[in-house]
Amino acid sequence: MTNTELKKLLNLPRNEKLKIVHTLWDNIAKEKVQGTTYPEHIEVIKKRLKKIRSGKTKFKNWETLKNKYIEKPQI
């Protein structure tokens, strides 16, 4: 992609940019992932699963996370 093409994309309206992002993300998600799973990643997953199974992990519901991380519009 050239700088000119990128500038055109960056100047699109927000809703058009979002359509492009969604299209790209869907395309990426369909691709088969090939590569190595790193041992460090496997260890992190094992530790997290162990905490979940032991009951030591606390989960938060969507409303709590949304209120904490999503900016509320100013009225």
PDB file of N, CA and C in Angstrom:
ATOM      1  N   MET A   1       0.850  -1.177   0.000  1.00  0.00           N
ATOM      2  CA  MET A   1       0.000   0.000   0.000  1.00  0.00           C
ATOM      3  C   MET A   1       0.893   1.237   0.000  1.00  0.00           C
ATOM      4  N   THR A   2       0.558   2.154  -0.841  1.00  0.00           N
ATOM      5  CA  THR A   2       1.357   3.377  -0.937  1.00  0.00           C
ATOM      6  C   THR A   2       0.909   4.373   0.128  1.00  0.00           C
ATOM      7  N   ASN A   3       1.737   5.369   0.363  1.00  0.00           N
ATOM      8  CA  ASN A   3       1.385   6.429   1.311  1.00  0.00           C
ATOM      9  C   ASN A   3       0.132   7.169   0.868  1.00  0.00           C
ATOM     10  N   THR A   4      -0.004   7.357  -0.441  1.00  0.00           N
ATOM     11  CA  THR A   4      -1.177   8.039  -0.976  1.00  0.00           C
ATOM     12  C   THR A   4      -2.444   7.247  -0.682  1.00  0.00           C
ATOM     13  N   GLU A   5      -2.378   5.933  -0.896  1.00  0.00           N
ATOM     14  CA  GLU A   5      -3.537   5.077  -0.611  1.00  0.00           C
ATOM     15  C   GLU A   5      -3.873   5.098   0.873  1.00  0.00           C
ATOM     16  N   LEU A   6      -2.842   5.047   1.708  1.00  0.00           N
ATOM     17  CA  LEU A   6      -3.058   5.086   3.146  1.00  0.00           C
ATOM     18  C   LEU A   6      -3.694   6.411   3.579  1.00  0.00           C
ATOM     19  N   LYS A   7      -3.227   7.499   3.031  1.00  0.00           N
ATOM     20  CA  LYS A   7      -3.803   8.807   3.365  1.00  0.00           C
ATOM     21  C   LYS A   7      -5.278   8.875   2.987  1.00  0.00           C
ATOM     22  N   LYS A   8      -5.622   8.298   1.831  1.00  0.00           N
ATOM     23  CA  LYS A   8      -7.027   8.262   1.414  1.00  0.00           C
ATOM     24  C   LYS A   8      -7.868   7.490   2.422  1.00  0.00           C
ATOM     25  N   LEU A   9      -7.348   6.344   2.869  1.00  0.00           N
ATOM     26  CA  LEU A   9      -8.072   5.542   3.866  1.00  0.00           C
ATOM     27  C   LEU A   9      -8.252   6.308   5.173  1.00  0.00           C
ATOM     28  N   LEU A  10      -7.199   6.973   5.606  1.00  0.00           N
ATOM     29  CA  LEU A  10      -7.251   7.702   6.874  1.00  0.00           C
ATOM     30  C   LEU A  10      -8.196   8.901   6.826  1.00  0.00           C
ATOM     31  N   ASN A  11      -8.473   9.386   5.636  1.00  0.00           N
ATOM     32  CA  ASN A  11      -9.370  10.528   5.485  1.00  0.00           C
ATOM     33  C   ASN A  11     -10.828  10.133   5.264  1.00  0.00           C
ATOM     34  N   LEU A  12     -11.097   8.838   5.224  1.00  0.00           N
ATOM     35  CA  LEU A  12     -12.484   8.386   5.071  1.00  0.00           C
ATOM     36  C   LEU A  12     -13.294   8.713   6.316  1.00  0.00           C
ATOM     37  N   PRO A  13     -14.612   8.805   6.175  1.00  0.00           N
ATOM     38  CA  PRO A  13     -15.454   8.986   7.360  1.00  0.00           C
ATOM     39  C   PRO A  13     -15.315   7.771   8.286  1.00  0.00           C
ATOM     40  N   ARG A  14     -15.574   7.996   9.547  1.00  0.00           N
ATOM     41  CA  ARG A  14     -15.405   6.957  10.572  1.00  0.00           C
ATOM     42  C   ARG A  14     -16.168   5.679  10.219  1.00  0.00           C
ATOM     43  N   ASN A  15     -17.415   5.798   9.782  1.00  0.00           N
ATOM     44  CA  ASN A  15     -18.205   4.600   9.497  1.00  0.00           C
ATOM     45  C   ASN A  15     -17.602   3.789   8.354  1.00  0.00           C
ATOM     46  N   GLU A  16     -16.990   4.459   7.376  1.00  0.00           N
ATOM     47  CA  GLU A  16     -16.337   3.746   6.274  1.00  0.00           C
ATOM     48  C   GLU A  16     -15.085   3.027   6.766  1.00  0.00           C
ATOM     49  N   LYS A  17     -14.328   3.702   7.653  1.00  0.00           N
ATOM     50  CA  LYS A  17     -13.138   3.066   8.216  1.00  0.00           C
ATOM     51  C   LYS A  17     -13.525   1.825   9.018  1.00  0.00           C
ATOM     52  N   LEU A  18     -14.601   1.916   9.765  1.00  0.00           N
ATOM     53  CA  LEU A  18     -15.055   0.771  10.552  1.00  0.00           C
ATOM     54  C   LEU A  18     -15.455  -0.401   9.662  1.00  0.00           C
ATOM     55  N   LYS A  19     -16.114  -0.108   8.539  1.00  0.00           N
ATOM     56  CA  LYS A  19     -16.469  -1.177   7.592  1.00  0.00           C
ATOM     57  C   LYS A  19     -15.215  -1.886   7.092  1.00  0.00           C
ATOM     58  N   ILE A  20     -14.190  -1.106   6.779  1.00  0.00           N
ATOM     59  CA  ILE A  20     -12.940  -1.677   6.288  1.00  0.00           C
ATOM     60  C   ILE A  20     -12.282  -2.528   7.370  1.00  0.00           C
ATOM     61  N   VAL A  21     -12.253  -2.022   8.590  1.00  0.00           N
ATOM     62  CA  VAL A  21     -11.657  -2.768   9.705  1.00  0.00           C
ATOM     63  C   VAL A  21     -12.380  -4.095   9.909  1.00  0.00           C
ATOM     64  N   HIS A  22     -13.702  -4.063   9.907  1.00  0.00           N
ATOM     65  CA  HIS A  22     -14.484  -5.293  10.086  1.00  0.00           C
ATOM     66  C   HIS A  22     -14.221  -6.283   8.958  1.00  0.00           C
ATOM     67  N   THR A  23     -14.149  -5.786   7.741  1.00  0.00           N
ATOM     68  CA  THR A  23     -13.888  -6.652   6.603  1.00  0.00           C
ATOM     69  C   THR A  23     -12.510  -7.293   6.722  1.00  0.00           C
ATOM     70  N   LEU A  24     -11.514  -6.492   7.074  1.00  0.00           N
ATOM     71  CA  LEU A  24     -10.158  -7.028   7.245  1.00  0.00           C
ATOM     72  C   LEU A  24     -10.109  -8.052   8.373  1.00  0.00           C
ATOM     73  N   TRP A  25     -10.762  -7.718   9.498  1.00  0.00           N
ATOM     74  CA  TRP A  25     -10.734  -8.630  10.646  1.00  0.00           C
ATOM     75  C   TRP A  25     -11.399  -9.959  10.288  1.00  0.00           C
ATOM     76  N   ASP A  26     -12.533  -9.914   9.618  1.00  0.00           N
ATOM     77  CA  ASP A  26     -13.215 -11.145   9.209  1.00  0.00           C
ATOM     78  C   ASP A  26     -12.323 -11.961   8.281  1.00  0.00           C
ATOM     79  N   ASN A  27     -11.627 -11.286   7.389  1.00  0.00           N
ATOM     80  CA  ASN A  27     -10.731 -11.961   6.468  1.00  0.00           C
ATOM     81  C   ASN A  27      -9.572 -12.629   7.213  1.00  0.00           C
ATOM     82  N   ILE A  28      -8.996 -11.925   8.164  1.00  0.00           N
ATOM     83  CA  ILE A  28      -7.901 -12.470   8.958  1.00  0.00           C
ATOM     84  C   ILE A  28      -8.381 -13.677   9.769  1.00  0.00           C
ATOM     85  N   ALA A  29      -9.564 -13.571  10.341  1.00  0.00           N
ATOM     86  CA  ALA A  29     -10.100 -14.651  11.169  1.00  0.00           C
ATOM     87  C   ALA A  29     -10.322 -15.931  10.371  1.00  0.00           C
ATOM     88  N   LYS A  30     -10.588 -15.809   9.084  1.00  0.00           N
ATOM     89  CA  LYS A  30     -10.819 -16.982   8.238  1.00  0.00           C
ATOM     90  C   LYS A  30      -9.524 -17.695   7.864  1.00  0.00           C
ATOM     91  N   GLU A  31      -8.419 -16.982   7.914  1.00  0.00           N
ATOM     92  CA  GLU A  31      -7.138 -17.566   7.526  1.00  0.00           C
ATOM     93  C   GLU A  31      -6.697 -18.608   8.547  1.00  0.00           C
ATOM     94  N   LYS A  32      -6.107 -19.654   8.050  1.00  0.00           N
ATOM     95  CA  LYS A  32      -5.540 -20.654   8.946  1.00  0.00           C
ATOM     96  C   LYS A  32      -4.265 -20.086   9.539  1.00  0.00           C
ATOM     97  N   VAL A  33      -4.141 -20.222  10.834  1.00  0.00           N
ATOM     98  CA  VAL A  33      -2.940 -19.737  11.502  1.00  0.00           C
ATOM     99  C   VAL A  33      -1.913 -20.860  11.489  1.00  0.00           C
ATOM    100  N   GLN A  34      -0.782 -20.562  10.932  1.00  0.00           N
ATOM    101  CA  GLN A  34       0.290 -21.530  10.912  1.00  0.00           C
ATOM    102  C   GLN A  34       1.472 -20.943  11.653  1.00  0.00           C
ATOM    103  N   GLY A  35       2.071 -21.759  12.430  1.00  0.00           N
ATOM    104  CA  GLY A  35       3.226 -21.281  13.160  1.00  0.00           C
ATOM    105  C   GLY A  35       3.405 -22.081  14.424  1.00  0.00           C
ATOM    106  N   THR A  36       4.288 -21.608  15.219  1.00  0.00           N
ATOM    107  CA  THR A  36       4.643 -22.307  16.435  1.00  0.00           C
ATOM    108  C   THR A  36       3.902 -21.717  17.620  1.00  0.00           C
ATOM    109  N   THR A  37       3.443 -22.596  18.484  1.00  0.00           N
ATOM    110  CA  THR A  37       2.922 -22.145  19.765  1.00  0.00           C
ATOM    111  C   THR A  37       4.118 -22.122  20.713  1.00  0.00           C
ATOM    112  N   TYR A  38       4.383 -20.972  21.258  1.00  0.00           N
ATOM    113  CA  TYR A  38       5.548 -20.824  22.109  1.00  0.00           C
ATOM    114  C   TYR A  38       5.308 -21.456  23.476  1.00  0.00           C
ATOM    115  N   PRO A  39       6.296 -22.131  24.014  1.00  0.00           N
ATOM    116  CA  PRO A  39       6.151 -22.753  25.339  1.00  0.00           C
ATOM    117  C   PRO A  39       5.754 -21.756  26.417  1.00  0.00           C
ATOM    118  N   GLU A  40       6.235 -20.518  26.304  1.00  0.00           N
ATOM    119  CA  GLU A  40       5.886 -19.493  27.301  1.00  0.00           C
ATOM    120  C   GLU A  40       4.379 -19.231  27.282  1.00  0.00           C
ATOM    121  N   HIS A  41       3.799 -19.218  26.102  1.00  0.00           N
ATOM    122  CA  HIS A  41       2.358 -18.976  25.979  1.00  0.00           C
ATOM    123  C   HIS A  41       1.573 -20.127  26.588  1.00  0.00           C
ATOM    124  N   ILE A  42       2.038 -21.342  26.338  1.00  0.00           N
ATOM    125  CA  ILE A  42       1.366 -22.515  26.892  1.00  0.00           C
ATOM    126  C   ILE A  42       1.409 -22.475  28.409  1.00  0.00           C
ATOM    127  N   GLU A  43       2.534 -22.061  28.981  1.00  0.00           N
ATOM    128  CA  GLU A  43       2.653 -21.977  30.444  1.00  0.00           C
ATOM    129  C   GLU A  43       1.693 -20.940  31.024  1.00  0.00           C
ATOM    130  N   VAL A  44       1.566 -19.805  30.360  1.00  0.00           N
ATOM    131  CA  VAL A  44       0.631 -18.770  30.826  1.00  0.00           C
ATOM    132  C   VAL A  44      -0.792 -19.318  30.807  1.00  0.00           C
ATOM    133  N   ILE A  45      -1.154 -20.003  29.752  1.00  0.00           N
ATOM    134  CA  ILE A  45      -2.499 -20.577  29.643  1.00  0.00           C
ATOM    135  C   ILE A  45      -2.726 -21.614  30.731  1.00  0.00           C
ATOM    136  N   LYS A  46      -1.735 -22.487  30.963  1.00  0.00           N
ATOM    137  CA  LYS A  46      -1.862 -23.506  32.012  1.00  0.00           C
ATOM    138  C   LYS A  46      -2.064 -22.873  33.381  1.00  0.00           C
ATOM    139  N   LYS A  47      -1.298 -21.816  33.682  1.00  0.00           N
ATOM    140  CA  LYS A  47      -1.439 -21.130  34.982  1.00  0.00           C
ATOM    141  C   LYS A  47      -2.827 -20.512  35.125  1.00  0.00           C
ATOM    142  N   ARG A  48      -3.312 -19.902  34.057  1.00  0.00           N
ATOM    143  CA  ARG A  48      -4.638 -19.282  34.113  1.00  0.00           C
ATOM    144  C   ARG A  48      -5.731 -20.328  34.279  1.00  0.00           C
ATOM    145  N   LEU A  49      -5.614 -21.441  33.558  1.00  0.00           N
ATOM    146  CA  LEU A  49      -6.607 -22.512  33.699  1.00  0.00           C
ATOM    147  C   LEU A  49      -6.588 -23.094  35.106  1.00  0.00           C
ATOM    148  N   LYS A  50      -5.403 -23.225  35.684  1.00  0.00           N
ATOM    149  CA  LYS A  50      -5.283 -23.744  37.050  1.00  0.00           C
ATOM    150  C   LYS A  50      -5.993 -22.814  38.040  1.00  0.00           C
ATOM    151  N   LYS A  51      -5.803 -21.503  37.875  1.00  0.00           N
ATOM    152  CA  LYS A  51      -6.468 -20.532  38.749  1.00  0.00           C
ATOM    153  C   LYS A  51      -7.985 -20.590  38.580  1.00  0.00           C
ATOM    154  N   ILE A  52      -8.428 -20.743  37.345  1.00  0.00           N
ATOM    155  CA  ILE A  52      -9.874 -20.833  37.098  1.00  0.00           C
ATOM    156  C   ILE A  52     -10.444 -22.067  37.778  1.00  0.00           C
ATOM    157  N   ARG A  53      -9.791 -23.205  37.588  1.00  0.00           N
ATOM    158  CA  ARG A  53     -10.282 -24.468  38.159  1.00  0.00           C
ATOM    159  C   ARG A  53     -10.246 -24.468  39.679  1.00  0.00           C
ATOM    160  N   SER A  54      -9.289 -23.739  40.263  1.00  0.00           N
ATOM    161  CA  SER A  54      -9.185 -23.706  41.724  1.00  0.00           C
ATOM    162  C   SER A  54     -10.160 -22.707  42.342  1.00  0.00           C
ATOM    163  N   GLY A  55     -10.784 -21.896  41.506  1.00  0.00           N
ATOM    164  CA  GLY A  55     -11.724 -20.897  42.018  1.00  0.00           C
ATOM    165  C   GLY A  55     -11.058 -19.605  42.451  1.00  0.00           C
ATOM    166  N   LYS A  56      -9.762 -19.469  42.200  1.00  0.00           N
ATOM    167  CA  LYS A  56      -9.026 -18.260  42.614  1.00  0.00           C
ATOM    168  C   LYS A  56      -9.209 -17.092  41.646  1.00  0.00           C
ATOM    169  N   THR A  57      -9.730 -17.378  40.470  1.00  0.00           N
ATOM    170  CA  THR A  57      -9.927 -16.333  39.476  1.00  0.00           C
ATOM    171  C   THR A  57     -11.315 -15.726  39.656  1.00  0.00           C
ATOM    172  N   LYS A  58     -11.351 -14.417  39.628  1.00  0.00           N
ATOM    173  CA  LYS A  58     -12.633 -13.720  39.727  1.00  0.00           C
ATOM    174  C   LYS A  58     -12.946 -13.122  38.360  1.00  0.00           C
ATOM    175  N   PHE A  59     -14.154 -13.335  37.915  1.00  0.00           N
ATOM    176  CA  PHE A  59     -14.576 -12.812  36.626  1.00  0.00           C
ATOM    177  C   PHE A  59     -15.461 -11.596  36.834  1.00  0.00           C
ATOM    178  N   LYS A  60     -15.422 -10.677  35.896  1.00  0.00           N
ATOM    179  CA  LYS A  60     -16.270  -9.489  35.946  1.00  0.00           C
ATOM    180  C   LYS A  60     -17.264  -9.570  34.802  1.00  0.00           C
ATOM    181  N   ASN A  61     -18.457  -9.057  35.051  1.00  0.00           N
ATOM    182  CA  ASN A  61     -19.462  -9.090  33.995  1.00  0.00           C
ATOM    183  C   ASN A  61     -19.232  -7.939  33.009  1.00  0.00           C
ATOM    184  N   TRP A  62     -19.879  -8.034  31.881  1.00  0.00           N
ATOM    185  CA  TRP A  62     -19.699  -7.060  30.807  1.00  0.00           C
ATOM    186  C   TRP A  62     -20.024  -5.644  31.249  1.00  0.00           C
ATOM    187  N   GLU A  63     -21.095  -5.472  32.014  1.00  0.00           N
ATOM    188  CA  GLU A  63     -21.494  -4.125  32.441  1.00  0.00           C
ATOM    189  C   GLU A  63     -20.389  -3.461  33.251  1.00  0.00           C
ATOM    190  N   THR A  64     -19.763  -4.215  34.140  1.00  0.00           N
ATOM    191  CA  THR A  64     -18.681  -3.675  34.965  1.00  0.00           C
ATOM    192  C   THR A  64     -17.509  -3.230  34.092  1.00  0.00           C
ATOM    193  N   LEU A  65     -17.108  -4.082  33.153  1.00  0.00           N
ATOM    194  CA  LEU A  65     -15.989  -3.745  32.277  1.00  0.00           C
ATOM    195  C   LEU A  65     -16.326  -2.583  31.351  1.00  0.00           C
ATOM    196  N   LYS A  66     -17.534  -2.603  30.823  1.00  0.00           N
ATOM    197  CA  LYS A  66     -17.962  -1.535  29.921  1.00  0.00           C
ATOM    198  C   LYS A  66     -17.920  -0.193  30.642  1.00  0.00           C
ATOM    199  N   ASN A  67     -18.438  -0.159  31.869  1.00  0.00           N
ATOM    200  CA  ASN A  67     -18.455   1.090  32.629  1.00  0.00           C
ATOM    201  C   ASN A  67     -17.046   1.568  32.971  1.00  0.00           C
ATOM    202  N   LYS A  68     -16.128   0.623  33.140  1.00  0.00           N
ATOM    203  CA  LYS A  68     -14.763   0.994  33.504  1.00  0.00           C
ATOM    204  C   LYS A  68     -13.949   1.472  32.296  1.00  0.00           C
ATOM    205  N   TYR A  69     -14.127   0.821  31.134  1.00  0.00           N
ATOM    206  CA  TYR A  69     -13.227   1.069  30.013  1.00  0.00           C
ATOM    207  C   TYR A  69     -13.818   1.823  28.827  1.00  0.00           C
ATOM    208  N   ILE A  70     -15.115   1.873  28.718  1.00  0.00           N
ATOM    209  CA  ILE A  70     -15.698   2.556  27.570  1.00  0.00           C
ATOM    210  C   ILE A  70     -16.104   3.959  27.982  1.00  0.00           C
ATOM    211  N   GLU A  71     -15.615   4.893  27.213  1.00  0.00           N
ATOM    212  CA  GLU A  71     -15.873   6.296  27.512  1.00  0.00           C
ATOM    213  C   GLU A  71     -17.357   6.625  27.335  1.00  0.00           C
ATOM    214  N   LYS A  72     -17.902   7.306  28.314  1.00  0.00           N
ATOM    215  CA  LYS A  72     -19.303   7.711  28.243  1.00  0.00           C
ATOM    216  C   LYS A  72     -19.396   9.066  27.553  1.00  0.00           C
ATOM    217  N   PRO A  73     -20.398   9.236  26.707  1.00  0.00           N
ATOM    218  CA  PRO A  73     -20.540  10.532  26.014  1.00  0.00           C
ATOM    219  C   PRO A  73     -20.849  11.660  26.995  1.00  0.00           C
ATOM    220  N   GLN A  74     -20.267  12.796  26.731  1.00  0.00           N
ATOM    221  CA  GLN A  74     -20.513  13.978  27.558  1.00  0.00           C
ATOM    222  C   GLN A  74     -21.799  14.651  27.109  1.00  0.00           C
ATOM    223  N   ILE A  75     -22.664  14.914  28.036  1.00  0.00           N
ATOM    224  CA  ILE A  75     -23.942  15.574  27.696  1.00  0.00           C
ATOM    225  C   ILE A  75     -23.926  17.006  28.166  1.00  0.00           C
TER     226      ILE A  75
END
